Amino acid sequence: MKATWRVSTWLAFGVLAGGCSKEPAPPPAPSVAHVKPAEGSASVDPTPSATPRKKAAAATAARPQKPLNVILITVDSLRADMPWAGYSREIAPNLSALAKESVVYTNAYSVSSYTAKSVAALLTGRYPSSLYRSGWFFANYAKANQFFTEALQSKGIRTIGWHGHMYFGRGKGLEQGFDVWELVPGITFDPQTDNHVTSDKMTALGIELLDKPENSGGQFFAWAHYMDPHDQYNKHPESPDFGNKGRDKYDSEVFYTDLWIGKLLDHLKKQPFWQNTALVVSADHGEAFGEHGMYRHAFEVWDVLTRVPLIIKAPGAEPRHIDLRRSAIDVAPTIMDLMGQRPLDGFMGKSLAKEVYGAAPENREPIVVELSEDSHNPLRRGIIKDDYKLIVIDAGYKYQLFNLKSDPEEKQDLAKKEPEKLEQMKKLFETTYASIPSVEAYGGMKLKSGKMANGPMAPAKAEPVSSVR
């Protein structure tokens, strides 16, 4: 079964995801410093600059003593090649303006290439393969998983979520720990695609929810997941006409979503809580437009499907670009840190808050990307270290090796040409995954490999805490 057919037939949905941009990166704004990998560290393509740069590590900014509110905005299927990262079309003017006053991660990765796996990682700080989950494509998550929103809720912190797709309807377990969990009105469920235009309704619902004193009168966490860049792709009269190809209409969707995110932010900036609120913007995954013969997302862990935008605006933090690779596994610990809360024992990443406030970033590689097996997704795992990325297919049935510096589009498999590097990366993969507990899916359904999902819904006994870091 070809990847193109699988993606177009069984597509789910995504968030801010990364694609490999073919456009050169523009000079950064003079007020934004770039933090680059040290020699021998993670390698990324340098961003040309026409102006002198500030020091690589910005002076540590004064962090507010009072714990912050946090608003997380994720955009389904948002690629990494956005205007602030070098894309030539001005398809997101509001997010581009936000990027100029924020900490921007230019090399961020989602944990997975598919929404049902990546959003669970955002809410738990754990890799999907380590969570108690059903084997369905539209996965359910058991109550045995600990969501960071549950920890916030136990401290009396208000938790609010609103969404534009029926997958987020009650019953999938993603609402654990949320005081408020709403869907935009009038939407229906279609497992093949997204039939609705919802960005305007998402913004209206967000304003309604955050204007309520019971939601925003005290400390709160809020999460909004915008859907419109997910297929099917539509043109919008509010957007410039970029053309009729898939990427053209996708760009119109991004423009439309950005328009309504801008309206939401304009409203929030007028509220008394805004000065004490951090904003995190990202995506659940990227989107393919013919790369590797694929369209849309899921089924593989190519960079175009797993690289995503990551923007963090926090009170008092100076704007800068951080070019070292980062993973969405760090988002949950970062949110908890900004909110003055201790990390959960089960977190597999760690907070970015110190570097948001100017500390020198550290190398956090290897970066892990994975797609746990379900009824339609095959098992895919990958790690990235320095210039190299190893993709492991079906638990070692096949290995693919790429040099992301010389081959960012992952076209030249080096597994046979560089056997020593392959063995080195395989050992690193084994060591890395030895520290990630693996949980079999439950539910009794047939998985893509033909195996049955007969895993547990909860631990039989207390499990030792493991960490990738």
Protein backbone atom coordinates (compact mmCIF):
# COMPACT_ATOMS: atom_id res chain seq x y z
CA MET A 1 0.00 0.00 0.00
CA LYS A 2 1.61 3.25 -1.06
CA ALA A 3 2.12 6.09 1.40
CA THR A 4 0.28 8.58 -0.80
CA TRP A 5 -2.86 6.45 -0.83
CA ARG A 6 -2.69 5.78 2.87
CA VAL A 7 -2.36 9.42 3.80
CA SER A 8 -5.08 10.68 1.51
CA THR A 9 -7.47 7.91 2.53
CA TRP A 10 -6.92 7.71 6.27
CA LEU A 11 -5.74 11.21 7.14
CA ALA A 12 -6.39 12.42 10.62
CA PHE A 13 -5.30 15.94 11.52
CA GLY A 14 -2.33 17.92 12.78
CA VAL A 15 -0.94 20.92 14.65
CA LEU A 16 2.09 23.19 14.00
CA ALA A 17 4.29 20.98 12.01
CA GLY A 18 7.52 21.21 10.20
CA GLY A 19 8.33 20.94 6.56
CA CYS A 20 11.62 21.36 4.77
CA SER A 21 11.61 24.86 3.39
CA LYS A 22 13.07 25.32 -0.06
CA GLU A 23 13.22 29.10 0.35
CA PRO A 24 16.34 30.81 1.72
CA ALA A 25 15.98 32.19 5.22
CA PRO A 26 15.74 36.00 5.33
CA PRO A 27 17.96 38.20 7.48
CA PRO A 28 16.69 38.30 11.07
CA ALA A 29 15.34 41.53 12.48
CA PRO A 30 18.19 43.55 14.03
CA SER A 31 16.58 43.28 17.48
CA VAL A 32 16.57 39.48 17.49
CA ALA A 33 19.62 37.49 18.57
CA HIS A 34 20.33 34.04 17.16
CA VAL A 35 21.58 31.24 19.39
CA LYS A 36 23.30 28.64 17.24
CA PRO A 37 24.70 25.20 17.92
CA ALA A 38 28.23 25.13 19.24
CA GLU A 39 30.96 23.50 17.18
CA GLY A 40 30.38 19.77 17.12
CA SER A 41 26.83 20.20 18.33
CA ALA A 42 23.54 19.91 16.49
CA SER A 43 24.04 21.23 12.98
CA VAL A 44 21.55 23.47 11.23
CA ASP A 45 21.81 25.61 8.16
CA PRO A 46 23.02 29.06 9.18
CA THR A 47 20.68 31.99 8.82
CA PRO A 48 22.33 34.80 6.84
CA SER A 49 22.32 38.20 8.48
CA ALA A 50 22.84 41.61 6.97
CA THR A 51 23.26 43.23 10.37
CA PRO A 52 25.64 42.59 13.27
CA ARG A 53 24.26 40.05 15.70
CA LYS A 54 23.92 40.37 19.42
CA LYS A 55 25.88 37.99 21.58
CA ALA A 56 24.86 34.38 21.01
CA ALA A 57 23.43 34.06 24.50
CA ALA A 58 21.28 37.01 25.45
CA ALA A 59 21.69 38.48 28.90
CA THR A 60 19.44 36.70 31.35
CA ALA A 61 16.18 38.63 31.62
CA ALA A 62 14.42 39.27 34.88
CA ARG A 63 11.83 36.54 35.24
CA PRO A 64 8.56 37.58 36.90
CA GLN A 65 8.37 36.37 40.48
CA LYS A 66 4.64 35.81 40.22
CA PRO A 67 3.62 32.54 38.51
CA LEU A 68 2.19 33.13 35.05
CA ASN A 69 -0.93 32.12 33.23
CA VAL A 70 -0.21 30.18 30.04
CA ILE A 71 -2.18 30.12 26.79
CA LEU A 72 -1.21 27.35 24.35
CA ILE A 73 -2.34 27.77 20.75
CA THR A 74 -1.77 24.87 18.40
CA VAL A 75 -2.57 24.97 14.70
CA ASP A 76 -3.32 21.71 13.00
CA SER A 77 -0.98 20.72 10.16
CA LEU A 78 1.07 23.93 10.38
CA ARG A 79 4.36 23.43 8.56
CA ALA A 80 7.68 24.74 9.83
CA ASP A 81 8.37 26.76 6.67
CA MET A 82 6.41 29.81 7.73
CA PRO A 83 7.27 33.43 6.81
CA TRP A 84 9.38 34.01 9.95
CA ALA A 85 11.41 30.95 8.91
CA GLY A 86 12.04 32.04 5.33
CA TYR A 87 8.89 31.16 3.37
CA SER A 88 8.45 33.77 0.65
CA ARG A 89 4.68 34.24 0.90
CA GLU A 90 3.30 36.46 3.65
CA ILE A 91 0.74 33.92 4.74
CA ALA A 92 0.77 34.65 8.49
CA PRO A 93 1.26 38.36 9.22
CA ASN A 94 -0.03 38.18 12.79
CA LEU A 95 2.11 35.23 13.82
CA SER A 96 5.06 36.80 12.00
CA ALA A 97 4.59 39.96 14.10
CA LEU A 98 4.39 37.81 17.22
CA ALA A 99 7.62 36.04 16.25
CA LYS A 100 9.49 39.37 16.18
CA GLU A 101 8.75 39.91 19.87
CA SER A 102 9.14 36.31 21.05
CA VAL A 103 11.62 33.50 21.54
CA VAL A 104 11.45 31.52 18.29
CA TYR A 105 12.74 27.96 17.99
CA THR A 106 13.80 27.52 14.38
CA ASN A 107 14.45 23.77 14.64
CA ALA A 108 11.54 22.44 16.68
CA TYR A 109 10.07 18.96 16.32
CA SER A 110 6.70 17.54 17.17
CA VAL A 111 6.85 14.20 18.94
CA SER A 112 4.84 12.53 16.17
CA SER A 113 3.38 13.06 12.70
CA TYR A 114 -0.24 12.50 13.66
CA THR A 115 -2.59 14.47 15.91
CA ALA A 116 -3.95 11.66 18.04
CA LYS A 117 -0.40 10.87 19.15
CA SER A 118 1.21 14.31 19.31
CA VAL A 119 -1.46 16.12 21.35
CA ALA A 120 -1.35 13.41 24.01
CA ALA A 121 2.40 13.98 24.26
CA LEU A 122 1.79 17.73 24.68
CA LEU A 123 -0.61 17.08 27.57
CA THR A 124 1.47 14.45 29.37
CA GLY A 125 5.09 15.27 28.58
CA ARG A 126 5.56 11.63 27.60
CA TYR A 127 6.15 9.83 24.32
CA PRO A 128 3.00 8.25 22.86
CA SER A 129 4.46 4.73 23.00
CA SER A 130 4.73 5.06 26.79
CA LEU A 131 1.05 6.00 27.31
CA TYR A 132 -1.92 3.76 27.99
CA ARG A 133 -3.84 4.12 24.74
CA SER A 134 -6.21 2.19 22.51
CA GLY A 135 -5.09 0.74 19.19
CA TRP A 136 -7.54 2.74 17.12
CA PHE A 137 -6.32 5.32 14.61
CA PHE A 138 -8.35 7.89 16.57
CA ALA A 139 -6.80 6.77 19.84
CA ASN A 140 -8.42 6.85 23.26
CA TYR A 141 -6.28 7.55 26.34
CA ALA A 142 -6.88 5.76 29.64
CA LYS A 143 -7.34 7.54 32.95
CA ALA A 144 -4.17 5.86 34.20
CA ASN A 145 -2.15 8.44 32.23
CA GLN A 146 -1.24 11.56 34.18
CA PHE A 147 -2.00 14.78 32.30
CA PHE A 148 -0.31 17.93 33.57
CA THR A 149 -3.72 19.61 33.56
CA GLU A 150 -4.78 17.22 36.32
CA ALA A 151 -1.89 18.46 38.47
CA LEU A 152 -2.85 22.08 37.77
CA GLN A 153 -6.49 21.35 38.57
CA SER A 154 -5.51 19.76 41.90
CA LYS A 155 -3.85 23.07 42.85
CA GLY A 156 -7.00 25.05 42.09
CA ILE A 157 -5.67 26.43 38.80
CA ARG A 158 -8.40 26.86 36.19
CA THR A 159 -7.94 24.77 33.02
CA ILE A 160 -9.78 25.64 29.79
CA GLY A 161 -9.74 23.95 26.38
CA TRP A 162 -11.62 24.63 23.14
CA HIS A 163 -11.29 22.87 19.81
CA GLY A 164 -12.40 22.78 16.18
CA HIS A 165 -12.63 19.02 15.44
CA MET A 166 -14.94 16.29 16.72
CA TYR A 167 -11.99 14.05 17.64
CA PHE A 168 -11.63 16.24 20.69
CA GLY A 169 -15.18 15.41 21.76
CA ARG A 170 -15.58 13.79 25.14
CA GLY A 171 -14.70 10.14 25.30
CA LYS A 172 -11.13 10.12 23.95
CA GLY A 173 -9.56 10.94 27.33
CA LEU A 174 -7.84 14.14 26.19
CA GLU A 175 -10.08 16.23 28.43
CA GLN A 176 -8.53 14.83 31.63
CA GLY A 177 -7.87 17.64 34.07
CA PHE A 178 -9.84 20.32 32.21
CA ASP A 179 -12.48 22.33 34.04
CA VAL A 180 -13.84 23.61 30.73
CA TRP A 181 -13.75 21.58 27.51
CA GLU A 182 -15.70 22.95 24.54
CA LEU A 183 -16.06 22.27 20.83
CA VAL A 184 -17.11 24.89 18.32
CA PRO A 185 -20.82 24.48 17.51
CA GLY A 186 -22.16 22.83 14.39
CA ILE A 187 -19.30 20.50 13.49
CA THR A 188 -19.66 16.84 12.53
CA PHE A 189 -17.20 13.96 12.41
CA ASP A 190 -15.66 12.69 9.17
CA PRO A 191 -12.76 10.22 9.58
CA GLN A 192 -11.44 11.06 6.11
CA THR A 193 -11.08 14.85 6.32
CA ASP A 194 -12.16 18.12 7.96
CA ASN A 195 -15.27 19.50 6.29
CA HIS A 196 -15.67 22.65 8.36
CA VAL A 197 -14.29 26.19 8.48
CA THR A 198 -13.90 26.98 12.16
CA SER A 199 -11.24 29.64 12.83
CA ASP A 200 -13.82 32.40 13.20
CA LYS A 201 -15.86 30.24 15.58
CA MET A 202 -12.73 29.23 17.50
CA THR A 203 -11.84 32.86 18.15
CA ALA A 204 -15.40 33.76 19.16
CA LEU A 205 -15.53 30.80 21.55
CA GLY A 206 -12.13 31.62 23.02
CA ILE A 207 -13.13 35.21 23.69
CA GLU A 208 -16.36 34.04 25.30
CA LEU A 209 -14.56 31.56 27.57
CA LEU A 210 -11.67 33.81 28.62
CA ASP A 211 -13.97 36.76 29.27
CA LYS A 212 -15.67 34.80 32.04
CA PRO A 213 -14.30 35.79 35.47
CA GLU A 214 -14.57 32.22 36.71
CA ASN A 215 -12.11 31.18 33.98
CA SER A 216 -9.60 34.03 33.92
CA GLY A 217 -10.09 35.79 37.25
CA GLY A 218 -7.36 33.70 38.88
CA GLN A 219 -4.40 31.75 37.53
CA PHE A 220 -5.33 29.68 34.48
CA PHE A 221 -4.07 27.47 31.66
CA ALA A 222 -5.90 27.61 28.32
CA TRP A 223 -5.44 25.52 25.19
CA ALA A 224 -6.94 26.26 21.77
CA HIS A 225 -6.49 23.95 18.79
CA TYR A 226 -7.25 25.64 15.44
CA MET A 227 -8.07 23.27 12.58
CA ASP A 228 -8.41 25.03 9.22
CA PRO A 229 -4.98 24.27 7.65
CA HIS A 230 -5.96 20.60 7.86
CA ASP A 231 -7.36 19.27 4.60
CA GLN A 232 -9.65 19.76 2.88
CA TYR A 233 -7.97 22.99 1.77
CA ASN A 234 -10.22 25.93 0.99
CA LYS A 235 -9.72 29.38 -0.44
CA HIS A 236 -11.00 32.29 1.61
CA PRO A 237 -12.12 35.72 0.39
CA GLU A 238 -10.21 37.26 3.31
CA SER A 239 -6.97 35.81 1.93
CA PRO A 240 -4.93 36.72 -1.15
CA ASP A 241 -5.49 34.30 -4.04
CA PHE A 242 -2.31 32.23 -4.00
CA GLY A 243 -3.44 29.83 -6.74
CA ASN A 244 -5.27 26.55 -7.14
CA LYS A 245 -2.68 23.92 -6.22
CA GLY A 246 -2.86 22.14 -2.90
CA ARG A 247 -0.11 24.22 -1.30
CA ASP A 248 -1.72 27.41 -2.66
CA LYS A 249 -5.05 26.65 -1.01
CA TYR A 250 -3.28 25.49 2.14
CA ASP A 251 -1.57 28.88 2.28
CA SER A 252 -4.97 30.53 2.07
CA GLU A 253 -6.09 28.41 5.01
CA VAL A 254 -3.04 29.47 7.02
CA PHE A 255 -3.72 33.12 6.21
CA TYR A 256 -7.34 32.76 7.32
CA THR A 257 -6.37 30.98 10.55
CA ASP A 258 -3.72 33.61 11.27
CA LEU A 259 -6.31 36.35 10.73
CA TRP A 260 -8.54 34.94 13.44
CA ILE A 261 -5.68 34.13 15.80
CA GLY A 262 -4.70 37.78 15.40
CA LYS A 263 -8.23 38.85 16.39
CA LEU A 264 -8.07 36.61 19.45
CA LEU A 265 -4.71 38.06 20.50
CA ASP A 266 -5.91 41.63 19.92
CA HIS A 267 -8.76 40.98 22.33
CA LEU A 268 -6.61 39.23 24.92
CA LYS A 269 -4.04 42.04 24.95
CA LYS A 270 -6.75 44.35 26.30
CA GLN A 271 -7.52 42.10 29.27
CA PRO A 272 -6.08 42.67 32.76
CA PHE A 273 -4.53 39.19 32.86
CA TRP A 274 -2.45 39.67 29.67
CA GLN A 275 0.58 41.26 31.38
CA ASN A 276 0.92 38.15 33.51
CA THR A 277 0.38 35.63 30.71
CA ALA A 278 2.81 33.59 28.61
CA LEU A 279 1.82 32.52 25.11
CA VAL A 280 3.04 29.32 23.43
CA VAL A 281 2.26 28.75 19.73
CA SER A 282 3.03 25.49 17.95
CA ALA A 283 1.52 22.66 15.90
CA ASP A 284 0.81 18.98 16.29
CA HIS A 285 2.65 18.06 13.09
CA GLY A 286 3.47 19.31 9.61
CA GLU A 287 2.00 18.59 6.21
CA ALA A 288 3.36 17.03 3.01
CA PHE A 289 2.71 18.27 -0.52
CA GLY A 290 4.39 15.58 -2.58
CA GLU A 291 7.59 15.17 -0.57
CA HIS A 292 8.50 11.46 -0.46
CA GLY A 293 5.44 10.81 -2.61
CA MET A 294 3.19 11.75 0.30
CA TYR A 295 0.36 14.18 0.82
CA ARG A 296 -1.04 15.37 4.13
CA HIS A 297 0.45 13.63 7.19
CA ALA A 298 0.72 10.53 9.46
CA PHE A 299 2.20 7.11 8.51
CA GLU A 300 5.87 8.25 8.43
CA VAL A 301 8.27 10.43 10.46
CA TRP A 302 9.93 12.50 7.73
CA ASP A 303 11.04 15.99 8.77
CA VAL A 304 8.35 17.59 6.62
CA LEU A 305 5.81 15.81 8.86
CA THR A 306 7.49 16.31 12.22
CA ARG A 307 9.17 19.73 12.14
CA VAL A 308 6.87 22.41 13.52
CA PRO A 309 6.91 26.06 14.54
CA LEU A 310 7.50 26.86 18.21
CA ILE A 311 7.08 30.42 19.48
CA ILE A 312 7.12 31.42 23.15
CA LYS A 313 6.27 34.93 24.32
CA ALA A 314 6.72 35.38 28.05
CA PRO A 315 6.58 38.60 30.11
CA GLY A 316 10.05 40.09 30.41
CA ALA A 317 11.72 37.66 27.99
CA GLU A 318 13.81 39.24 25.22
CA PRO A 319 13.11 38.19 21.63
CA ARG A 320 15.66 35.91 20.01
CA HIS A 321 15.96 32.88 17.75
CA ILE A 322 17.29 29.60 19.12
CA ASP A 323 18.56 27.34 16.36
CA LEU A 324 19.42 24.26 18.43
CA ARG A 325 16.99 21.41 17.95
CA ARG A 326 14.15 21.14 20.41
CA SER A 327 11.30 18.69 20.93
CA ALA A 328 7.65 19.17 21.87
CA ILE A 329 8.34 16.74 24.71
CA ASP A 330 9.63 19.84 26.53
CA VAL A 331 6.40 21.85 26.17
CA ALA A 332 4.55 20.38 29.16
CA PRO A 333 7.51 20.89 31.55
CA THR A 334 7.89 24.45 30.22
CA ILE A 335 4.24 25.28 30.85
CA MET A 336 4.40 23.88 34.39
CA ASP A 337 7.60 25.83 35.08
CA LEU A 338 6.17 29.13 33.80
CA MET A 339 3.12 28.53 36.01
CA GLY A 340 5.29 28.05 39.10
CA GLN A 341 4.65 24.31 39.36
CA ARG A 342 7.02 21.43 39.90
CA PRO A 343 7.55 19.01 36.98
CA LEU A 344 5.63 15.76 37.09
CA ASP A 345 7.68 12.69 37.90
CA GLY A 346 6.72 11.14 34.58
CA PHE A 347 7.94 13.98 32.36
CA MET A 348 10.41 12.82 29.72
CA GLY A 349 11.59 16.29 28.73
CA LYS A 350 12.48 19.36 30.72
CA SER A 351 11.58 23.01 30.84
CA LEU A 352 12.73 25.58 28.30
CA ALA A 353 11.92 28.46 30.67
CA LYS A 354 15.51 29.27 31.64
CA GLU A 355 16.61 29.73 28.03
CA VAL A 356 13.41 31.64 27.26
CA TYR A 357 14.66 34.10 29.86
CA GLY A 358 18.14 34.28 28.36
CA ALA A 359 20.16 31.36 29.71
CA ALA A 360 22.57 29.71 27.29
CA PRO A 361 20.73 26.82 25.59
CA GLU A 362 22.14 23.34 25.99
CA ASN A 363 22.34 20.53 23.47
CA ARG A 364 19.32 18.28 24.12
CA GLU A 365 19.92 15.69 21.45
CA PRO A 366 19.11 13.03 20.51
CA ILE A 367 15.70 14.26 19.40
CA VAL A 368 13.12 11.47 19.34
CA VAL A 369 10.23 11.25 16.85
CA GLU A 370 7.87 8.31 16.78
CA LEU A 371 4.62 6.95 15.47
CA SER A 372 3.29 4.20 17.70
CA GLU A 373 1.47 1.44 15.84
CA ASP A 374 -2.32 1.46 15.60
CA SER A 375 -5.05 0.16 13.32
CA HIS A 376 -3.72 2.16 10.35
CA ASN A 377 -0.33 3.62 11.30
CA PRO A 378 2.71 1.33 11.07
CA LEU A 379 5.37 1.50 13.77
CA ARG A 380 7.95 4.20 13.02
CA ARG A 381 10.67 5.57 15.27
CA GLY A 382 13.51 7.98 14.67
CA ILE A 383 16.32 9.77 16.44
CA ILE A 384 18.33 12.83 15.40
CA LYS A 385 21.85 13.53 16.58
CA ASP A 386 24.16 16.18 15.13
CA ASP A 387 23.87 15.98 11.33
CA TYR A 388 22.28 12.51 11.23
CA LYS A 389 18.78 11.09 11.46
CA LEU A 390 18.02 7.39 11.80
CA ILE A 391 14.54 6.07 10.97
CA VAL A 392 13.68 2.63 12.30
CA ILE A 393 10.88 0.87 10.42
CA ASP A 394 8.72 -1.78 12.10
CA ALA A 395 10.98 -2.31 15.13
CA GLY A 396 14.15 -2.86 13.08
CA TYR A 397 12.81 -4.49 9.92
CA LYS A 398 14.58 -1.72 8.02
CA TYR A 399 16.83 1.24 8.82
CA GLN A 400 17.16 4.51 6.94
CA LEU A 401 19.99 6.97 7.58
CA PHE A 402 20.12 10.59 6.42
CA ASN A 403 22.52 13.50 6.76
CA LEU A 404 20.20 16.44 7.45
CA LYS A 405 22.93 19.01 6.85
CA SER A 406 23.79 17.94 3.30
CA ASP A 407 20.40 16.38 2.55
CA PRO A 408 17.67 18.25 4.48
CA GLU A 409 14.93 16.77 2.29
CA GLU A 410 15.98 13.21 3.26
CA LYS A 411 16.38 11.94 -0.28
CA GLN A 412 19.66 9.99 0.02
CA ASP A 413 19.53 6.95 2.29
CA LEU A 414 23.07 6.41 3.61
CA ALA A 415 22.43 3.16 5.48
CA LYS A 416 24.56 1.13 3.05
CA LYS A 417 27.07 3.86 2.19
CA GLU A 418 28.00 4.70 5.80
CA PRO A 419 27.84 1.40 7.74
CA GLU A 420 29.93 2.68 10.66
CA LYS A 421 27.66 5.68 11.18
CA LEU A 422 24.64 3.40 10.85
CA GLU A 423 25.92 1.13 13.63
CA GLN A 424 26.70 4.15 15.79
CA MET A 425 23.19 5.54 15.35
CA LYS A 426 21.62 2.11 15.96
CA LYS A 427 23.43 1.86 19.30
CA LEU A 428 22.29 5.36 20.21
CA PHE A 429 18.75 4.41 19.25
CA GLU A 430 18.84 1.31 21.46
CA THR A 431 20.22 3.27 24.39
CA THR A 432 17.67 6.02 23.96
CA TYR A 433 14.66 3.73 23.72
CA ALA A 434 15.88 1.61 26.62
CA SER A 435 14.98 4.61 28.81
CA ILE A 436 11.49 5.04 27.28
CA PRO A 437 9.01 2.53 28.76
CA SER A 438 7.02 0.90 25.97
CA VAL A 439 3.32 0.12 26.53
CA GLU A 440 1.32 -2.05 24.16
CA ALA A 441 -1.96 -0.63 22.88
CA TYR A 442 -5.20 -1.97 24.34
CA GLY A 443 -8.68 -2.57 22.96
CA GLY A 444 -8.53 -5.90 21.14
CA MET A 445 -8.44 -4.43 17.63
CA LYS A 446 -6.15 -5.58 14.83
CA LEU A 447 -3.08 -3.40 14.40
CA LYS A 448 -1.36 -2.48 11.15
CA SER A 449 1.21 -5.28 11.54
CA GLY A 450 -1.53 -7.86 12.02
CA LYS A 451 -0.92 -8.16 15.76
CA MET A 452 -3.79 -7.65 18.19
CA ALA A 453 -3.95 -4.75 20.64
CA ASN A 454 -4.00 -6.65 23.93
CA GLY A 455 -2.07 -4.24 26.15
CA PRO A 456 -3.07 -2.94 29.60
CA MET A 457 -5.19 0.12 30.43
CA ALA A 458 -3.20 0.76 33.61
CA PRO A 459 0.04 -0.37 35.23
CA ALA A 460 -0.08 -3.65 37.11
CA LYS A 461 2.08 -2.05 39.79
CA ALA A 462 4.05 1.12 40.34
CA GLU A 463 6.57 1.63 37.54
CA PRO A 464 9.98 3.24 37.95
CA VAL A 465 10.23 6.74 36.53
CA SER A 466 12.28 6.87 33.34
CA SER A 467 13.64 9.84 31.47
CA VAL A 468 15.26 10.34 28.10
CA ARG A 469 17.30 13.23 29.42
